[in-house]
Every structure is written in C-alpha cells, then in structure tokens.
Protein backbone atom coordinates (compact mmCIF):
# COMPACT_ATOMS: atom_id res chain seq x y z
CA MET A 1 -0.13 -6.25 -42.25
CA THR A 2 3.41 -5.49 -41.27
CA ALA A 3 4.86 -6.47 -37.95
CA THR A 4 4.83 -2.82 -36.93
CA GLU A 5 1.17 -2.49 -37.61
CA ALA A 6 0.42 -5.69 -35.62
CA VAL A 7 2.18 -4.26 -32.64
CA ALA A 8 0.37 -0.96 -32.96
CA GLU A 9 -2.94 -2.72 -32.98
CA ARG A 10 -2.32 -4.06 -29.61
CA LEU A 11 -1.33 -0.64 -28.26
CA ILE A 12 -3.93 1.87 -26.99
CA ARG A 13 -3.75 5.61 -26.85
CA ILE A 14 -3.38 7.64 -23.66
CA GLY A 15 -7.07 8.73 -23.75
CA GLU A 16 -8.19 5.06 -23.87
CA VAL A 17 -6.02 4.34 -20.82
CA ALA A 18 -7.31 7.34 -18.93
CA ARG A 19 -11.02 6.47 -19.75
CA GLY A 20 -10.58 2.83 -18.92
CA ALA A 21 -8.96 3.47 -15.61
CA GLY A 22 -11.17 6.36 -14.73
CA VAL A 23 -8.42 8.99 -14.42
CA SER A 24 -7.37 12.02 -16.25
CA VAL A 25 -4.90 12.05 -19.11
CA ARG A 26 -2.76 14.22 -16.90
CA ALA A 27 -2.66 11.53 -14.41
CA VAL A 28 -1.51 9.03 -17.00
CA ARG A 29 1.24 11.41 -18.00
CA TYR A 30 2.30 11.76 -14.33
CA TYR A 31 2.58 8.01 -13.96
CA GLU A 32 4.81 7.88 -17.08
CA GLN A 33 6.97 10.83 -15.78
CA GLN A 34 7.34 8.86 -12.41
CA GLY A 35 8.61 5.86 -14.36
CA LEU A 36 5.50 3.78 -13.46
CA LEU A 37 4.24 3.48 -16.99
CA ILE A 38 6.21 3.13 -20.21
CA ALA A 39 4.78 4.46 -23.51
CA GLU A 40 5.86 3.78 -26.98
CA ARG A 41 5.49 6.53 -29.48
CA SER A 42 3.52 6.27 -32.80
CA PRO A 43 5.12 7.66 -35.94
CA SER A 44 3.20 10.96 -35.25
CA GLY A 45 4.49 11.11 -31.64
CA GLN A 46 1.36 9.96 -29.82
CA ARG A 47 1.81 7.99 -26.66
CA LEU A 48 0.78 4.27 -26.98
CA TYR A 49 0.37 1.85 -24.08
CA ARG A 50 -0.08 -1.75 -23.70
CA GLN A 51 -3.52 -3.06 -22.86
CA ASP A 52 -2.46 -3.89 -19.36
CA ALA A 53 -1.77 -0.17 -18.67
CA ILE A 54 -5.43 0.24 -17.61
CA SER A 55 -5.18 -2.25 -14.85
CA LEU A 56 -1.83 -0.90 -13.80
CA VAL A 57 -3.19 2.65 -13.56
CA ARG A 58 -6.10 1.24 -11.45
CA PHE A 59 -3.44 -0.41 -9.20
CA PHE A 60 -1.59 2.94 -8.92
CA GLN A 61 -4.74 4.70 -7.90
CA GLN A 62 -5.50 2.16 -5.21
CA MET A 63 -1.91 2.33 -3.86
CA PHE A 64 -1.92 6.08 -3.87
CA ALA A 65 -5.28 6.12 -2.11
CA ALA A 66 -3.73 3.81 0.51
CA GLY A 67 -0.93 6.28 1.10
CA LEU A 68 1.90 4.77 -0.81
CA THR A 69 4.28 7.11 -2.72
CA SER A 70 5.20 6.80 -6.34
CA ARG A 71 8.68 5.67 -5.22
CA ARG A 72 7.15 2.90 -3.08
CA ILE A 73 4.94 1.88 -5.95
CA THR A 74 7.95 1.68 -8.25
CA GLU A 75 9.43 -0.71 -5.73
CA LEU A 76 6.33 -2.90 -5.89
CA LEU A 77 6.19 -3.12 -9.73
CA PRO A 78 8.77 -5.93 -10.05
CA CYS A 79 6.61 -8.04 -7.57
CA TRP A 80 3.54 -7.31 -9.74
CA ASP A 81 5.33 -8.04 -12.98
CA SER A 82 7.09 -11.25 -11.93
CA GLY A 83 5.08 -12.65 -9.12
CA HIS A 84 8.27 -13.15 -7.23
CA THR A 85 9.87 -11.37 -4.39
CA ASP A 86 13.07 -11.31 -2.34
CA ALA A 87 13.26 -11.03 1.45
CA LYS A 88 13.58 -7.25 1.37
CA GLN A 89 10.57 -6.79 -0.95
CA ARG A 90 8.49 -9.16 1.18
CA ALA A 91 9.30 -7.19 4.34
CA MET A 92 8.35 -3.99 2.58
CA LEU A 93 5.12 -5.49 1.33
CA ARG A 94 4.29 -6.68 4.91
CA ALA A 95 5.20 -3.38 6.37
CA GLU A 96 2.91 -1.54 3.88
CA ARG A 97 0.09 -3.99 4.60
CA ALA A 98 0.42 -3.48 8.34
CA ARG A 99 0.40 0.33 7.89
CA ILE A 100 -2.75 0.04 5.60
CA GLN A 101 -4.43 -2.39 8.22
CA ALA A 102 -3.81 0.18 11.05
CA LYS A 103 -5.36 2.85 8.84
CA ILE A 104 -8.42 0.65 8.28
CA ASP A 105 -8.63 -0.07 11.97
CA ASP A 106 -8.57 3.65 12.84
CA LEU A 107 -11.31 4.29 10.19
CA GLN A 108 -13.40 1.48 11.49
CA THR A 109 -13.19 2.88 15.06
CA ALA A 110 -14.20 6.30 13.71
CA LEU A 111 -17.12 4.71 11.85
CA ASP A 112 -18.24 2.83 14.99
CA ARG A 113 -18.20 6.06 17.04
CA LEU A 114 -20.16 7.78 14.25
CA ASP A 115 -22.72 5.00 14.30
CA GLU A 116 -23.08 5.52 17.98
CA VAL A 117 -23.83 9.18 17.62
CA ILE A 118 -26.27 8.45 14.87
CA ALA A 119 -28.04 5.91 17.07
CA ILE A 120 -28.16 8.38 19.95
CA THR A 121 -29.59 11.19 17.76
CA ASP A 122 -32.09 8.85 16.06
CA THR A 123 -33.65 8.01 19.41
CA HIS A 124 -34.01 11.80 20.38
CA ALA A 125 -35.63 12.85 17.07
C-alpha cells in the first residue's frame, strides 16, 4: 500500500459526511464554500474529507441553529481546533453564549406561558 493509498483510506466521501452528520450533500458543499470545511480531491476529482468532518458538520448545524453566522463560526474554528483562545476570542465566545442564553430564557418563558394555557384548557374540557 502506498502512502497516498493510506491517506485516502482515512478520508471519506462527501455523501458519507452528509449521511453521518444528517445533512444534505448540498449543505456539506456550502460549508466548504464558506471555508468551514476543507476537502481534498481524489484523482477522479471526488471530494474527500477527514473523519472528523462529520463532527464538525454537526457542530456547524448546532451553531447555525443557535443563530451564528458562517463568518462567526469561522472565527470559532481556531478555538475548536487548538483548544486555546486569546482575549478577543474569549470575549466573542462569552457574548455568543450570553446571546444564546437570552434566547433560551425567552423560549422558556414562552413554554411556561403555553403550559399555563394548556393547564387552563385541560380543566375546562
């Protein structure tokens, strides 16, 4: 087995990434276009990704669902990759956390109100 073949064995195709992360192939391509994922190319031109691409795509999905932009996620990637941050990155992370927590609090308030309405309507059935 050549070194190229050994590397290729550790790489997975775009469809495998999409299936593993529960997203469309189009979404994986979008993440690549945004600079969030890096693909290598097989000799036939197919996109090949490292195994950790699946967990990265799941992370992207979570961050998008929380309201982060692809640009903000790009800023987070060095923190994810290295486990280290500078003061500016930590401030950004804390600000995003506070924003998400406020969103959660608003959703919890709405859920509590909905529970009140359900309780009222259950007693008047």
